[in-house]
Amino acid sequence: MSLAGDHHRAWRSLPLGALDGIIGAGTCLILAPHPDDESLGCGGLIASAVAAGRAPLVVILTDGAGSHPHSRAYPPDRLRATREAEAAQAVACLGLPPERLTCLRQPDTAAPHQGPDFDAVVGQLRALLGREPGCTTILAPWAHDPHCDHQAASRIAGAIGIRHLAYPVWGWTLPADDAVPAPVGTGWRLPIGAHLPAKRHAIQAHRSQYGGLITDDPTGFQLPPGLLSVFDQPFETFLLP
């Protein structure tokens, strides 16, 4: 058992690591629970890998259609299409070819943690990896991110059977005195200063999550400034799970 503040302090002081040390000599698969997590947690890594000639696979687990459940202007089908288009624009900002992006369209806030649907997703990812022999690492959110879809993505990544690293997203927002049922782990910080402008553009491409595009649902999700400030830094954090 540990405290969230212990993790935050450890993450900020992790050693700097090179791309090869983090993802290996080949490339990687980035599993994002929702459209925008790929840019928030891994935008700099995506751009770094593309620049090195090792474009990653980016897989969006859920359809993102639950962010504005009461919008009449953006019912689920339209919101799903909007968020997928935003994800495509975001990864393009990072230099990723469109064929490297896959959307699995699991239901937002209901990504599988076990059972047949879980096994089906694992099978889909293994099939993707089977066509990418140089892809030897999977990156997914930290297992203790306080969101059910992030936790599902972590469990799915752990079931694939290849090297697995974690990137915290909502874990950064945990109150410092919250208990975390795991010891403080180890990992690296990847320097991304050269790609930070591209990462900023990628995050901004997710317009539906900023509050200015969908205005008819006061309960709708908006990316909080505190979270955005965490990812507007010249490094990204990757953990050994």
Protein backbone atom coordinates (compact mmCIF):
# COMPACT_ATOMS: atom_id res chain seq x y z
CA MET A 1 0.00 0.00 0.00
CA SER A 2 1.21 3.52 -0.79
CA LEU A 3 -0.12 7.03 -1.29
CA ALA A 4 -0.84 8.70 -4.61
CA GLY A 5 1.51 11.52 -3.68
CA ASP A 6 4.36 9.01 -3.36
CA HIS A 7 3.69 7.87 -6.91
CA HIS A 8 3.51 11.41 -8.26
CA ARG A 9 6.85 12.34 -6.70
CA ALA A 10 8.44 9.17 -8.03
CA TRP A 11 7.07 9.74 -11.54
CA ARG A 12 8.48 13.27 -11.65
CA SER A 13 11.96 12.02 -10.75
CA LEU A 14 12.18 8.91 -12.93
CA PRO A 15 15.38 8.62 -14.98
CA LEU A 16 15.31 9.87 -18.52
CA GLY A 17 15.15 7.05 -21.03
CA ALA A 18 15.76 6.77 -24.75
CA LEU A 19 13.10 5.51 -27.15
CA ASP A 20 14.98 2.23 -27.67
CA GLY A 21 15.10 1.56 -23.96
CA ILE A 22 11.38 2.18 -23.56
CA ILE A 23 9.80 0.42 -26.55
CA GLY A 24 12.69 -1.76 -27.70
CA ALA A 25 14.41 -1.90 -31.06
CA GLY A 26 11.18 -2.18 -33.03
CA THR A 27 7.91 -0.40 -32.52
CA CYS A 28 4.95 -0.65 -30.15
CA LEU A 29 1.19 -0.81 -29.84
CA ILE A 30 -0.47 1.98 -27.87
CA LEU A 31 -3.83 1.01 -26.37
CA ALA A 32 -5.88 4.11 -25.56
CA PRO A 33 -9.14 3.69 -23.63
CA HIS A 34 -10.77 6.68 -25.35
CA PRO A 35 -10.02 9.01 -28.24
CA ASP A 36 -7.66 11.61 -26.66
CA ASP A 37 -5.76 9.30 -24.28
CA GLU A 38 -3.32 8.46 -27.07
CA SER A 39 -2.38 12.13 -27.42
CA LEU A 40 -2.40 12.97 -23.71
CA GLY A 41 -0.30 10.06 -22.49
CA CYS A 42 1.74 9.10 -25.54
CA GLY A 43 1.65 11.95 -28.07
CA GLY A 44 5.34 12.66 -27.73
CA LEU A 45 6.26 9.00 -27.93
CA ILE A 46 4.13 8.57 -31.06
CA ALA A 47 5.86 11.51 -32.74
CA SER A 48 9.28 10.29 -31.59
CA ALA A 49 8.67 6.81 -32.95
CA VAL A 50 7.39 8.16 -36.27
CA ALA A 51 10.47 10.38 -36.58
CA ALA A 52 12.66 7.33 -35.95
CA GLY A 53 10.94 5.41 -38.76
CA ARG A 54 9.09 3.13 -36.35
CA ALA A 55 5.49 4.28 -36.55
CA PRO A 56 3.50 2.63 -33.75
CA LEU A 57 0.08 1.04 -33.91
CA VAL A 58 -2.52 3.12 -32.08
CA VAL A 59 -5.67 1.31 -30.98
CA ILE A 60 -8.64 3.17 -29.46
CA LEU A 61 -10.53 0.76 -27.22
CA THR A 62 -13.92 2.47 -26.75
CA ASP A 63 -16.10 4.61 -29.00
CA GLY A 64 -16.01 7.68 -26.73
CA ALA A 65 -19.75 8.14 -27.21
CA GLY A 66 -20.44 8.53 -23.49
CA SER A 67 -18.81 11.93 -23.00
CA HIS A 68 -22.01 13.90 -23.67
CA PRO A 69 -24.90 11.57 -22.87
CA HIS A 70 -27.62 14.26 -22.89
CA SER A 71 -26.68 16.06 -26.10
CA ARG A 72 -29.41 16.13 -28.73
CA ALA A 73 -27.12 17.71 -31.32
CA TYR A 74 -24.59 14.92 -30.86
CA PRO A 75 -26.42 11.63 -30.27
CA PRO A 76 -24.21 8.56 -29.83
CA ASP A 77 -23.71 7.77 -33.53
CA ARG A 78 -22.69 11.34 -34.38
CA LEU A 79 -20.51 11.66 -31.29
CA ARG A 80 -18.77 8.38 -32.11
CA ALA A 81 -18.00 9.57 -35.64
CA THR A 82 -16.84 12.94 -34.35
CA ARG A 83 -14.48 11.46 -31.83
CA GLU A 84 -13.01 9.02 -34.33
CA ALA A 85 -12.43 11.88 -36.77
CA GLU A 86 -10.75 13.87 -34.00
CA ALA A 87 -8.49 10.92 -33.20
CA ALA A 88 -7.52 10.61 -36.88
CA GLN A 89 -6.69 14.32 -37.01
CA ALA A 90 -4.75 14.09 -33.74
CA VAL A 91 -2.48 11.25 -34.83
CA ALA A 92 -1.96 12.98 -38.18
CA CYS A 93 -0.58 15.94 -36.21
CA LEU A 94 1.95 13.50 -34.76
CA GLY A 95 2.90 12.21 -38.22
CA LEU A 96 1.19 8.83 -37.89
CA PRO A 97 -0.14 7.34 -41.14
CA PRO A 98 -3.93 6.79 -40.99
CA GLU A 99 -3.64 3.04 -41.53
CA ARG A 100 -1.79 2.78 -38.19
CA LEU A 101 -4.95 3.82 -36.29
CA THR A 102 -7.61 1.27 -35.32
CA CYS A 103 -10.86 1.91 -33.42
CA LEU A 104 -12.37 -1.12 -31.67
CA ARG A 105 -15.63 0.66 -30.71
CA GLN A 106 -16.22 -0.99 -27.37
CA PRO A 107 -18.92 0.88 -25.39
CA ASP A 108 -17.67 3.92 -23.53
CA THR A 109 -17.61 3.36 -19.73
CA ALA A 110 -18.23 -0.37 -20.33
CA ALA A 111 -14.99 -1.75 -21.78
CA PRO A 112 -14.74 -5.42 -20.81
CA HIS A 113 -12.71 -6.50 -17.78
CA GLN A 114 -13.31 -10.23 -18.30
CA GLY A 115 -15.49 -12.71 -20.15
CA PRO A 116 -16.14 -13.32 -23.87
CA ASP A 117 -15.95 -9.63 -24.89
CA PHE A 118 -12.61 -9.31 -23.08
CA ASP A 119 -11.30 -12.40 -24.84
CA ALA A 120 -12.51 -11.04 -28.19
CA VAL A 121 -10.60 -7.77 -27.72
CA VAL A 122 -7.46 -9.66 -26.70
CA GLY A 123 -7.86 -11.74 -29.85
CA GLN A 124 -8.21 -8.63 -32.03
CA LEU A 125 -5.03 -7.13 -30.61
CA ARG A 126 -3.11 -10.38 -31.01
CA ALA A 127 -4.23 -10.49 -34.64
CA LEU A 128 -2.93 -6.96 -35.19
CA LEU A 129 0.36 -7.86 -33.56
CA GLY A 130 0.59 -11.01 -35.66
CA ARG A 131 0.89 -8.78 -38.73
CA GLU A 132 3.57 -6.64 -37.04
CA PRO A 133 6.50 -8.88 -36.06
CA GLY A 134 8.59 -5.85 -35.05
CA CYS A 135 6.01 -4.72 -32.52
CA THR A 136 7.15 -6.18 -29.20
CA THR A 137 5.76 -3.79 -26.56
CA ILE A 138 2.23 -2.74 -25.64
CA LEU A 139 1.53 0.49 -23.74
CA ALA A 140 -1.70 0.96 -21.81
CA PRO A 141 -2.85 3.16 -18.93
CA TRP A 142 -1.69 2.67 -15.37
CA ALA A 143 -3.68 -0.06 -13.64
CA HIS A 144 -4.77 2.36 -10.89
CA ASP A 145 -6.04 5.17 -13.09
CA PRO A 146 -9.41 6.04 -11.53
CA HIS A 147 -11.55 5.18 -14.56
CA CYS A 148 -13.10 1.81 -15.37
CA ASP A 149 -12.11 1.90 -19.05
CA HIS A 150 -8.49 2.70 -18.19
CA GLN A 151 -8.42 -0.23 -15.80
CA ALA A 152 -9.94 -2.47 -18.46
CA ALA A 153 -7.29 -1.39 -20.96
CA SER A 154 -4.58 -2.22 -18.44
CA ARG A 155 -6.01 -5.70 -17.89
CA ILE A 156 -6.32 -6.30 -21.63
CA ALA A 157 -2.71 -5.24 -22.22
CA GLY A 158 -1.55 -7.58 -19.49
CA ALA A 159 -3.31 -10.49 -21.19
CA ILE A 160 -1.67 -10.04 -24.59
CA GLY A 161 1.51 -11.88 -23.66
CA ILE A 162 4.15 -9.36 -24.73
CA ARG A 163 6.15 -6.74 -22.86
CA HIS A 164 3.76 -4.31 -21.19
CA LEU A 165 4.38 -0.74 -20.02
CA ALA A 166 1.94 1.65 -18.37
CA TYR A 167 1.32 5.37 -18.82
CA PRO A 168 -0.64 7.25 -16.14
CA VAL A 169 -3.44 9.58 -17.22
CA TRP A 170 -6.09 10.15 -14.55
CA GLY A 171 -3.68 8.79 -11.97
CA TRP A 172 -2.03 12.21 -12.03
CA THR A 173 -5.23 13.72 -10.61
CA LEU A 174 -5.54 11.45 -7.57
CA PRO A 175 -5.41 13.40 -4.30
CA ALA A 176 -1.98 13.04 -2.74
CA ASP A 177 -3.32 11.27 0.34
CA ASP A 178 -5.39 8.70 -1.57
CA ALA A 179 -4.30 5.12 -0.91
CA VAL A 180 -3.00 3.12 -3.88
CA PRO A 181 -3.03 -0.68 -3.49
CA ALA A 182 0.43 -1.11 -4.99
CA PRO A 183 4.01 -0.12 -4.23
CA VAL A 184 5.63 2.76 -6.06
CA GLY A 185 7.01 1.38 -9.30
CA THR A 186 9.86 2.17 -11.63
CA GLY A 187 10.14 3.30 -15.22
CA TRP A 188 11.39 6.17 -17.34
CA ARG A 189 10.62 9.66 -18.53
CA LEU A 190 10.90 10.07 -22.29
CA PRO A 191 12.15 13.54 -23.32
CA ILE A 192 9.70 14.92 -25.90
CA GLY A 193 10.62 18.61 -26.04
CA ALA A 194 11.24 18.51 -29.79
CA HIS A 195 7.74 17.10 -30.33
CA LEU A 196 5.83 19.10 -27.72
CA PRO A 197 4.32 21.54 -30.28
CA ALA A 198 2.97 18.59 -32.31
CA LYS A 199 1.60 17.00 -29.13
CA ARG A 200 -0.18 20.25 -28.24
CA HIS A 201 -1.82 20.33 -31.68
CA ALA A 202 -2.83 16.68 -31.31
CA ILE A 203 -4.50 17.29 -27.94
CA GLN A 204 -6.28 20.36 -29.31
CA ALA A 205 -7.66 18.26 -32.17
CA HIS A 206 -10.01 16.61 -29.67
CA ARG A 207 -12.34 19.62 -29.84
CA SER A 208 -15.41 17.82 -28.52
CA GLN A 209 -13.66 17.41 -25.17
CA TYR A 210 -12.99 21.11 -24.61
CA GLY A 211 -16.55 22.32 -24.10
CA GLY A 212 -16.79 24.65 -27.10
CA LEU A 213 -18.10 22.23 -29.72
CA ILE A 214 -20.94 20.46 -27.89
CA THR A 215 -22.86 23.09 -25.97
CA ASP A 216 -26.25 21.49 -25.31
CA ASP A 217 -25.23 19.13 -22.50
CA PRO A 218 -24.21 20.92 -19.30
CA THR A 219 -23.29 17.55 -17.78
CA GLY A 220 -20.91 16.74 -20.63
CA PHE A 221 -17.26 15.97 -20.08
CA GLN A 222 -14.55 18.60 -20.43
CA LEU A 223 -10.82 18.05 -20.15
CA PRO A 224 -9.88 19.79 -16.90
CA PRO A 225 -7.10 22.40 -17.01
CA GLY A 226 -5.24 20.60 -14.23
CA LEU A 227 -4.99 17.44 -16.29
CA LEU A 228 -3.99 19.32 -19.44
CA SER A 229 -1.19 21.09 -17.58
CA VAL A 230 0.29 17.74 -16.53
CA PHE A 231 0.71 16.74 -20.16
CA ASP A 232 2.06 20.08 -21.34
CA GLN A 233 5.54 19.06 -20.19
CA PRO A 234 8.73 18.15 -22.12
CA PHE A 235 8.59 14.51 -21.03
CA GLU A 236 6.17 11.58 -20.82
CA THR A 237 6.03 8.91 -18.14
CA PHE A 238 6.19 5.17 -18.77
CA LEU A 239 6.07 2.62 -15.96
CA LEU A 240 6.88 -1.01 -15.51
CA PRO A 241 3.49 -2.42 -14.37
